[in-house]
Amino acid sequence: MAHAYIEDLSKHVGQEVEIRGWLYNRRESGSIQFLIFRDGTGLVQGVLTKKDPAFEKAKQLSQESSVKVCGTVKEEKRAPGGYELILKDFEIVQRVEGDYPISHKEHGPDFLLNHRHLWMRTPRQAAILRVRHEVMQAMRDFFDERGFIATESPIFTPSACEGTTTLFEVNYFDENKAYLSQSGQLYLEATAMALGRVYWIGPAFRAEKSKTRKHLTEFWMLEAEMAYFEQPQNIELQEALVKYIVQRCLEKRVRELNDLGRNTSMLEAVLKEPFARLLYNDAIKLCNELCKEKIAKGEVEEIPWGGDFGAPHEEALGAHFGRPVFIEKMPAMMKAFYMEPDPANPDLVLAADLIAPEGYGELIGGSQRISDIDLLKKRLKEFGLPEEPYQWYIDLRKYGGVPHSGFGMGVERTVSWICGLEHLREAIPFPRTIYRLTP
């Protein structure tokens, strides 16, 4: 008998197959039992009648007992996934004794997070993790198709990438200190000078004591750096990437998105028009105008020049345009030391943030990087950063410096937006926040 995965049952209609998985739920209606099984790829309903030899044995099954079941695949539009199994027999691999912690009822978020190792077995959480897989695979395919080279950056670093203090400090042999990386960008700039166009997807760590639904202390980043790329090309690449990811999820994960109740028309709209683009000066004026009633009531703060966009402002921008928005030419005072100044106004830098619609905030931050060695040294001094830890980074300009650009994209924010989640904690297998280090 052939082993089959639940997601492939459409290929086995009329055939007898074996499913290897777990019992998700069981209910009895008179002389019929309905057993819902999961195997990591989906759910399928198995049916037993009282005349079947396995009918009484099925009553021994408890939630999440692991089983091997055999039966004939039948098309049934009313069943989960559109197919069901006419059960013949099953083998109990391990029977769960006692009550399974996560029953089919409402549980609070803390309880669920304490049982995250089990919570992810539920259909909603499994669907999110499958979308996460698709997002990350789409990222890899996008760059591979364009000739980029995948490379890596270290997790242990001797200093902050952006000169900030939100770092996790760790002991590193012989009483030296090291830090968990906030970003692989500086190292990717080095590999870009060797390989031309590079990317990586890896973990990043921020010691911000932030409690918002958009922050985690450990998260994953896609980062890319490109030699001989200037900011207009950088922005074009970012827009193409986002559309590629959305298109891929709509094509390959529509079942999961439907299971999550996602309004896919909001995602489809992303593919129809170019992303909106606003200069920073125009963006703060528009935000203040869109939020003027809330500002007057004291519910939202007005954005001053040099100020950042809060959640209400980002939500207002998304609602206004109905698609992602690039905010370009940001004030130098609010950005990192390595960003190239705008030739027309040195108070601005050639940087852009991509704001997602529907209030999901910043998806991408990117810029053209400083290529002039003297200017880079000047900026380090202005930021109060010593040259010595960055000497290797300065060398990239000393030995064959070229115009180059890059960006970073948050994996969990992207997954949250595509899935329509309320909190980033569902977009990663084991979330880490200021209050959570387990399981």
Protein backbone atom coordinates (compact mmCIF):
# COMPACT_ATOMS: atom_id res chain seq x y z
CA MET A 1 0.00 0.00 0.00
CA ALA A 2 1.37 3.40 -1.01
CA HIS A 3 2.10 6.06 1.58
CA ALA A 4 0.52 9.41 0.66
CA TYR A 5 0.58 12.92 2.08
CA ILE A 6 -2.73 14.60 2.76
CA GLU A 7 -1.95 17.51 0.45
CA ASP A 8 -1.58 15.02 -2.43
CA LEU A 9 -4.82 13.06 -1.94
CA SER A 10 -6.31 14.52 -5.12
CA LYS A 11 -3.84 12.31 -7.02
CA HIS A 12 -5.12 9.15 -5.30
CA VAL A 13 -8.91 9.24 -5.65
CA GLY A 14 -10.24 5.68 -5.63
CA GLN A 15 -6.94 4.28 -4.37
CA GLU A 16 -6.11 2.74 -1.03
CA VAL A 17 -3.37 4.71 0.74
CA GLU A 18 -1.64 4.94 4.09
CA ILE A 19 -1.53 8.25 5.99
CA ARG A 20 1.05 8.68 8.74
CA GLY A 21 0.13 11.37 11.21
CA TRP A 22 -1.83 12.31 14.30
CA LEU A 23 -5.44 12.41 15.38
CA TYR A 24 -6.58 16.02 15.45
CA ASN A 25 -10.19 15.44 16.48
CA ARG A 26 -12.81 12.72 16.76
CA ARG A 27 -16.57 12.85 16.97
CA GLU A 28 -19.24 10.19 16.98
CA SER A 29 -22.71 10.46 15.51
CA GLY A 30 -24.77 7.36 16.15
CA SER A 31 -23.31 4.56 14.12
CA ILE A 32 -20.66 6.71 12.41
CA GLN A 33 -17.34 8.06 13.65
CA PHE A 34 -15.60 10.99 12.00
CA LEU A 35 -11.88 11.15 12.68
CA ILE A 36 -9.81 14.12 11.58
CA PHE A 37 -6.15 13.35 10.93
CA ARG A 38 -3.24 15.69 10.25
CA ASP A 39 0.20 14.87 8.86
CA GLY A 40 1.88 18.29 8.61
CA THR A 41 0.62 18.93 5.08
CA GLY A 42 -3.09 19.27 5.86
CA LEU A 43 -6.18 17.71 7.41
CA VAL A 44 -8.29 14.83 6.18
CA GLN A 45 -11.45 13.29 7.53
CA GLY A 46 -11.65 9.54 8.00
CA VAL A 47 -15.01 7.78 8.26
CA LEU A 48 -15.85 4.59 10.14
CA THR A 49 -19.22 2.90 10.45
CA LYS A 50 -20.32 0.56 13.21
CA LYS A 51 -19.94 -2.46 10.97
CA ASP A 52 -16.23 -1.70 10.39
CA PRO A 53 -13.83 -3.88 12.45
CA ALA A 54 -11.85 -0.80 13.56
CA PHE A 55 -14.93 1.03 14.92
CA GLU A 56 -14.45 0.10 18.58
CA LYS A 57 -10.66 0.44 18.42
CA ALA A 58 -11.08 4.04 17.22
CA LYS A 59 -12.74 4.93 20.51
CA GLN A 60 -9.37 4.40 22.20
CA LEU A 61 -7.83 7.24 20.25
CA SER A 62 -7.21 10.49 22.11
CA GLN A 63 -6.30 13.89 20.70
CA GLU A 64 -2.81 13.96 19.13
CA SER A 65 -2.29 10.21 19.35
CA SER A 66 0.08 9.25 16.55
CA VAL A 67 -1.32 6.78 14.05
CA LYS A 68 -0.88 5.10 10.71
CA VAL A 69 -4.24 4.83 8.95
CA CYS A 70 -5.20 3.11 5.74
CA GLY A 71 -8.27 3.70 3.66
CA THR A 72 -9.66 4.53 0.26
CA VAL A 73 -9.58 8.13 -0.93
CA LYS A 74 -12.95 9.59 -1.87
CA GLU A 75 -13.78 13.06 -3.17
CA GLU A 76 -16.06 14.82 -0.67
CA LYS A 77 -16.47 18.57 -1.02
CA ARG A 78 -17.99 18.91 2.44
CA ALA A 79 -14.93 17.40 4.14
CA PRO A 80 -11.80 19.38 5.13
CA GLY A 81 -9.62 19.68 2.04
CA GLY A 82 -12.32 18.27 -0.24
CA TYR A 83 -11.38 14.59 0.26
CA GLU A 84 -12.00 11.94 2.87
CA LEU A 85 -10.81 8.45 3.72
CA ILE A 86 -13.11 5.48 3.91
CA LEU A 87 -11.14 3.90 6.71
CA LYS A 88 -10.12 0.26 6.61
CA ASP A 89 -7.82 0.01 9.62
CA PHE A 90 -5.21 1.90 11.60
CA GLU A 91 -2.19 1.32 13.79
CA ILE A 92 -1.71 3.29 17.00
CA VAL A 93 1.93 4.39 17.11
CA GLN A 94 1.59 6.16 20.46
CA ARG A 95 -1.58 6.84 22.39
CA VAL A 96 -1.73 10.10 24.32
CA GLU A 97 -2.62 9.35 27.93
CA GLY A 98 -4.62 11.95 29.84
CA ASP A 99 -5.79 15.29 28.53
CA TYR A 100 -3.89 16.98 25.75
CA PRO A 101 -2.99 20.52 26.95
CA ILE A 102 -4.45 22.40 23.98
CA SER A 103 -8.04 21.30 23.63
CA HIS A 104 -10.56 22.48 21.04
CA LYS A 105 -11.58 25.56 22.99
CA GLU A 106 -10.37 29.13 23.47
CA HIS A 107 -7.06 29.61 25.28
CA GLY A 108 -5.36 32.84 26.32
CA PRO A 109 -2.21 34.05 24.48
CA ASP A 110 0.12 33.42 27.45
CA PHE A 111 -1.11 29.85 27.79
CA LEU A 112 -0.65 29.26 24.08
CA LEU A 113 2.84 30.79 24.07
CA ASN A 114 3.82 28.67 27.07
CA HIS A 115 2.77 25.68 24.96
CA ARG A 116 4.15 27.00 21.69
CA HIS A 117 5.79 23.63 20.98
CA LEU A 118 2.25 22.16 20.82
CA TRP A 119 0.32 25.23 19.66
CA MET A 120 2.06 25.14 16.29
CA ARG A 121 0.29 21.82 15.57
CA THR A 122 -3.05 23.60 15.20
CA PRO A 123 -4.26 24.25 11.63
CA ARG A 124 -3.92 28.05 11.89
CA GLN A 125 -0.35 27.99 13.19
CA ALA A 126 0.70 25.29 10.72
CA ALA A 127 -0.75 27.38 7.87
CA ILE A 128 1.27 30.41 9.00
CA LEU A 129 4.48 28.42 9.12
CA ARG A 130 3.85 27.06 5.62
CA VAL A 131 3.39 30.61 4.35
CA ARG A 132 6.61 31.57 6.14
CA HIS A 133 8.39 28.78 4.27
CA GLU A 134 6.98 30.07 0.98
CA VAL A 135 8.04 33.64 1.71
CA MET A 136 11.61 32.60 2.49
CA GLN A 137 11.83 30.26 -0.50
CA ALA A 138 10.48 33.01 -2.77
CA MET A 139 13.17 35.35 -1.45
CA ARG A 140 15.87 32.82 -2.31
CA ASP A 141 14.43 32.09 -5.74
CA PHE A 142 14.08 35.79 -6.57
CA PHE A 143 17.77 36.44 -6.01
CA ASP A 144 18.97 33.16 -7.48
CA GLU A 145 17.07 33.89 -10.70
CA ARG A 146 18.86 37.25 -10.91
CA GLY A 147 22.38 35.94 -10.48
CA PHE A 148 22.91 36.94 -6.85
CA ILE A 149 25.20 34.86 -4.65
CA ALA A 150 23.97 33.68 -1.26
CA THR A 151 26.54 34.36 1.44
CA GLU A 152 26.63 34.61 5.21
CA SER A 153 27.42 37.13 7.93
CA PRO A 154 28.68 36.42 11.45
CA ILE A 155 26.33 36.34 14.42
CA PHE A 156 29.08 37.41 16.85
CA THR A 157 30.32 40.94 16.11
CA PRO A 158 32.82 43.20 17.87
CA SER A 159 30.66 46.33 17.55
CA ALA A 160 27.24 47.62 16.55
CA CYS A 161 26.38 47.79 12.87
CA GLU A 162 24.57 51.09 13.22
CA GLY A 163 26.31 52.52 16.25
CA THR A 164 23.33 51.97 18.53
CA THR A 165 23.23 50.72 22.10
CA THR A 166 20.42 48.18 21.66
CA LEU A 167 22.83 45.25 21.68
CA PHE A 168 22.96 41.91 23.44
CA GLU A 169 26.41 41.61 25.01
CA VAL A 170 28.00 38.20 25.51
CA ASN A 171 31.26 36.95 27.02
CA TYR A 172 33.71 35.90 24.34
CA PHE A 173 36.85 34.08 25.57
CA ASP A 174 39.55 35.63 27.75
CA GLU A 175 37.19 38.26 29.14
CA ASN A 176 36.56 39.86 25.75
CA LYS A 177 33.11 41.16 24.91
CA ALA A 178 31.15 40.41 21.77
CA TYR A 179 27.65 41.31 20.61
CA LEU A 180 24.87 39.46 18.87
CA SER A 181 24.48 40.91 15.41
CA GLN A 182 21.79 43.49 14.68
CA SER A 183 22.41 43.19 10.95
CA GLY A 184 24.74 41.50 8.50
CA GLN A 185 24.88 44.55 6.26
CA LEU A 186 28.47 45.71 6.76
CA TYR A 187 29.78 42.21 6.13
CA LEU A 188 27.58 41.84 3.06
CA GLU A 189 29.10 45.03 1.68
CA ALA A 190 32.47 43.27 1.87
CA THR A 191 31.21 40.16 0.07
CA ALA A 192 29.51 42.38 -2.55
CA MET A 193 32.90 43.88 -3.37
CA ALA A 194 34.10 40.32 -3.99
CA LEU A 195 31.04 38.80 -5.68
CA GLY A 196 29.12 41.76 -7.10
CA ARG A 197 25.57 41.03 -5.89
CA VAL A 198 24.91 39.12 -2.69
CA TYR A 199 22.16 38.30 -0.22
CA TRP A 200 21.57 36.35 2.95
CA ILE A 201 18.66 35.36 5.16
CA GLY A 202 19.62 35.04 8.80
CA PRO A 203 18.82 35.94 12.41
CA ALA A 204 19.22 39.39 13.92
CA PHE A 205 18.96 40.53 17.52
CA ARG A 206 17.76 43.86 18.93
CA ALA A 207 17.80 44.60 22.66
CA GLU A 208 15.04 47.20 22.39
CA LYS A 209 12.59 46.99 25.26
CA SER A 210 9.74 47.36 22.84
CA LYS A 211 6.33 45.87 23.61
CA THR A 212 4.53 46.55 20.33
CA ARG A 213 2.96 43.90 18.13
CA LYS A 214 5.60 44.68 15.48
CA HIS A 215 8.73 43.88 17.50
CA LEU A 216 10.66 40.78 18.49
CA THR A 217 14.06 40.59 20.16
CA GLU A 218 15.15 37.80 17.81
CA PHE A 219 13.96 37.90 14.23
CA TRP A 220 15.04 37.00 10.71
CA MET A 221 16.24 39.39 8.05
CA LEU A 222 16.71 39.21 4.33
CA GLU A 223 19.59 41.51 3.40
CA ALA A 224 21.06 42.28 0.01
CA GLU A 225 23.99 44.39 -1.19
CA MET A 226 24.84 45.28 -4.76
CA ALA A 227 28.03 46.78 -6.19
CA TYR A 228 27.57 49.48 -8.85
CA PHE A 229 23.93 49.94 -7.78
CA GLU A 230 22.60 53.40 -7.10
CA GLN A 231 19.47 54.20 -5.13
CA PRO A 232 16.95 54.25 -8.05
CA GLN A 233 17.99 50.70 -9.01
CA ASN A 234 17.85 49.70 -5.36
CA ILE A 235 14.23 50.81 -5.02
CA GLU A 236 13.22 49.11 -8.28
CA LEU A 237 14.73 45.84 -7.04
CA GLN A 238 12.85 46.08 -3.72
CA GLU A 239 9.52 46.63 -5.44
CA ALA A 240 10.13 43.69 -7.78
CA LEU A 241 11.02 41.50 -4.77
CA VAL A 242 7.86 42.33 -2.81
CA LYS A 243 5.65 41.70 -5.83
CA TYR A 244 7.44 38.40 -6.49
CA ILE A 245 6.85 37.22 -2.93
CA VAL A 246 3.17 38.22 -2.97
CA GLN A 247 2.58 36.60 -6.36
CA ARG A 248 4.27 33.40 -5.20
CA CYS A 249 2.13 33.16 -2.05
CA LEU A 250 -1.05 33.83 -4.00
CA GLU A 251 -0.13 31.05 -6.43
CA LYS A 252 1.17 28.41 -4.02
CA ARG A 253 -0.36 29.17 -0.61
CA VAL A 254 -3.87 30.31 -1.40
CA ARG A 255 -5.28 27.37 0.58
CA GLU A 256 -3.40 28.50 3.68
CA LEU A 257 -4.38 32.13 3.17
CA ASN A 258 -8.03 31.11 2.86
CA ASP A 259 -7.73 29.00 6.00
CA LEU A 260 -6.39 32.08 7.79
CA GLY A 261 -9.31 34.15 6.57
CA ARG A 262 -6.99 36.50 4.70
CA ASN A 263 -8.64 38.95 2.34
CA THR A 264 -6.49 38.11 -0.66
CA SER A 265 -7.91 40.98 -2.71
CA MET A 266 -5.73 43.28 -0.60
CA LEU A 267 -2.68 41.32 -1.74
CA GLU A 268 -3.83 41.13 -5.34
CA ALA A 269 -4.06 44.92 -5.39
CA VAL A 270 -0.33 45.08 -4.65
CA LEU A 271 0.41 43.51 -8.04
CA LYS A 272 -1.71 45.87 -10.13
CA GLU A 273 0.04 49.22 -9.79
CA PRO A 274 3.50 50.63 -9.10
CA PHE A 275 4.13 51.30 -5.42
CA ALA A 276 3.49 54.83 -4.23
CA ARG A 277 6.54 57.04 -3.71
CA LEU A 278 6.78 60.08 -1.48
CA LEU A 279 9.64 62.31 -0.47
CA TYR A 280 10.04 62.45 3.30
CA ASN A 281 9.00 66.11 3.43
CA ASP A 282 5.80 65.38 1.51
CA ALA A 283 5.13 62.26 3.57
CA ILE A 284 5.13 64.05 6.93
CA LYS A 285 2.84 66.76 5.53
CA LEU A 286 0.45 64.15 4.18
CA CYS A 287 0.50 62.14 7.43
CA ASN A 288 -0.17 65.22 9.53
CA GLU A 289 -3.03 66.12 7.23
CA LEU A 290 -4.52 62.61 7.26
CA CYS A 291 -4.26 62.47 11.05
CA LYS A 292 -5.23 66.09 11.80
CA GLU A 293 -8.44 65.21 13.65
CA LYS A 294 -6.64 62.74 15.89
CA ILE A 295 -3.81 65.22 16.38
CA ALA A 296 -6.33 67.88 17.43
CA LYS A 297 -7.79 65.45 19.99
CA GLY A 298 -4.35 64.57 21.32
CA GLU A 299 -4.70 60.95 20.20
CA VAL A 300 -1.79 61.14 17.75
CA GLU A 301 1.34 63.29 17.79
CA GLU A 302 2.17 65.57 14.89
CA ILE A 303 5.34 64.52 13.09
CA PRO A 304 8.02 67.24 13.29
CA TRP A 305 10.74 67.46 10.63
CA GLY A 306 13.25 64.80 11.56
CA GLY A 307 10.63 62.74 13.37
CA ASP A 308 9.81 59.13 12.60
CA PHE A 309 6.47 57.67 11.57
CA GLY A 310 4.38 56.03 14.27
CA ALA A 311 1.89 53.23 13.80
CA PRO A 312 -1.11 55.59 13.27
CA HIS A 313 0.78 57.50 10.59
CA GLU A 314 1.81 54.32 8.78
CA GLU A 315 -1.75 53.03 8.96
CA ALA A 316 -3.07 56.31 7.54
CA LEU A 317 -0.59 56.18 4.64
CA GLY A 318 -1.55 52.58 3.84
CA ALA A 319 -5.26 53.40 3.90
CA HIS A 320 -4.69 56.45 1.71
CA PHE A 321 -2.80 54.61 -1.04
CA GLY A 322 -4.06 51.05 -0.60
CA ARG A 323 -0.64 49.67 -1.55
CA PRO A 324 2.96 49.81 -0.29
CA VAL A 325 4.55 53.25 -0.07
CA PHE A 326 8.23 54.22 -0.42
CA ILE A 327 9.25 57.20 1.72
CA GLU A 328 12.41 58.56 0.11
CA LYS A 329 15.24 60.96 0.95
CA MET A 330 15.16 60.76 4.72
CA PRO A 331 16.82 63.25 7.10
CA ALA A 332 20.45 62.31 7.72
CA MET A 333 19.98 62.97 11.44
CA MET A 334 17.59 60.02 11.82
CA LYS A 335 19.55 57.48 9.78
CA ALA A 336 22.77 55.49 10.13
CA PHE A 337 26.27 56.82 9.47
CA TYR A 338 26.91 54.83 6.28
CA MET A 339 24.15 56.34 4.10
CA GLU A 340 25.04 58.43 1.05
CA PRO A 341 23.97 62.10 1.30
CA ASP A 342 21.62 63.53 -1.28
CA PRO A 343 23.80 65.58 -3.67
CA ALA A 344 21.08 68.24 -3.82
CA ASN A 345 20.72 68.52 -0.02
CA PRO A 346 23.32 67.04 2.37
CA ASP A 347 20.79 67.20 5.23
CA LEU A 348 19.05 64.28 3.50
CA VAL A 349 20.32 60.82 2.60
CA LEU A 350 19.57 58.57 -0.35
CA ALA A 351 17.52 56.21 1.75
CA ALA A 352 13.98 54.88 1.62
CA ASP A 353 11.64 52.95 3.88
CA LEU A 354 8.92 50.77 2.39
CA ILE A 355 5.69 50.99 4.40
CA ALA A 356 3.23 48.12 4.02
CA PRO A 357 -0.52 48.80 3.73
CA GLU A 358 -3.08 47.78 6.35
CA GLY A 359 -1.00 49.13 9.24
CA TYR A 360 1.82 46.57 9.03
CA GLY A 361 4.54 49.19 9.17
CA GLU A 362 8.02 49.19 7.70
CA LEU A 363 8.87 46.12 5.62
CA ILE A 364 12.14 47.31 4.10
CA GLY A 365 14.80 49.86 4.94
CA GLY A 366 17.48 50.55 2.37
CA SER A 367 19.90 53.12 1.05
CA GLN A 368 22.79 53.88 -1.18
CA ARG A 369 25.95 53.44 0.90
CA ILE A 370 28.73 56.01 1.22
CA SER A 371 31.53 55.14 -1.21
CA ASP A 372 33.89 58.07 -0.51
CA ILE A 373 36.46 57.21 2.17
CA ASP A 374 36.86 60.76 3.51
CA LEU A 375 33.12 61.24 3.81
CA LEU A 376 32.76 57.91 5.64
CA LYS A 377 35.43 58.93 8.16
CA LYS A 378 33.70 62.26 8.65
CA ARG A 379 30.37 60.58 9.31
CA LEU A 380 31.91 58.19 11.83
CA LYS A 381 33.29 61.19 13.69
CA GLU A 382 29.94 62.99 13.60
CA PHE A 383 28.28 59.93 15.10
CA GLY A 384 30.92 59.70 17.83
CA LEU A 385 32.17 56.33 16.56
CA PRO A 386 35.87 55.38 16.70
CA GLU A 387 37.58 54.50 13.43
CA GLU A 388 39.54 51.51 14.71
CA PRO A 389 36.66 48.96 14.96
CA TYR A 390 35.50 50.04 11.49
CA GLN A 391 38.94 50.03 9.83
CA TRP A 392 38.10 46.93 7.80
CA TYR A 393 34.90 48.65 6.64
CA ILE A 394 36.88 51.75 5.66
CA ASP A 395 39.20 49.49 3.65
CA LEU A 396 36.31 48.69 1.33
CA ARG A 397 36.49 52.31 0.17
CA LYS A 398 40.28 52.48 0.25
CA TYR A 399 40.75 49.50 -2.04
CA GLY A 400 38.47 49.87 -5.05
CA GLY A 401 35.47 51.64 -3.59
CA VAL A 402 32.44 51.90 -5.90
CA PRO A 403 28.87 53.21 -5.63
CA HIS A 404 26.80 50.49 -4.00
CA SER A 405 23.41 50.04 -2.37
CA GLY A 406 21.48 47.58 -0.28
CA PHE A 407 18.51 46.92 1.96
CA GLY A 408 17.12 44.79 4.74
CA MET A 409 13.68 43.19 4.83
CA GLY A 410 12.05 41.76 7.95
CA VAL A 411 10.87 38.18 7.39
CA GLU A 412 8.32 38.16 10.23
CA ARG A 413 6.83 41.52 9.24
CA THR A 414 6.45 40.28 5.69
CA VAL A 415 4.83 37.04 6.83
CA SER A 416 2.53 38.93 9.21
CA TRP A 417 1.38 41.24 6.44
CA ILE A 418 0.80 38.47 3.90
CA CYS A 419 -1.07 36.34 6.45
CA GLY A 420 -2.98 39.27 7.98
CA LEU A 421 -1.73 38.53 11.52
CA GLU A 422 -2.28 40.73 14.53
CA HIS A 423 1.11 40.05 16.12
CA LEU A 424 4.58 39.03 14.94
CA ARG A 425 4.77 36.32 17.59
CA GLU A 426 2.71 34.01 15.34
CA ALA A 427 5.04 34.53 12.36
CA ILE A 428 8.04 32.70 13.84
CA PRO A 429 8.19 29.18 15.30
CA PHE A 430 9.49 30.21 18.73
CA PRO A 431 9.06 33.94 19.42
CA ARG A 432 11.45 35.85 21.64
CA THR A 433 10.26 39.08 23.28
CA ILE A 434 11.38 41.09 26.31
CA TYR A 435 9.16 38.89 28.47
CA ARG A 436 9.61 35.54 26.77
CA LEU A 437 12.59 33.24 26.49
CA THR A 438 10.75 29.90 26.61
CA PRO A 439 9.94 27.34 25.41
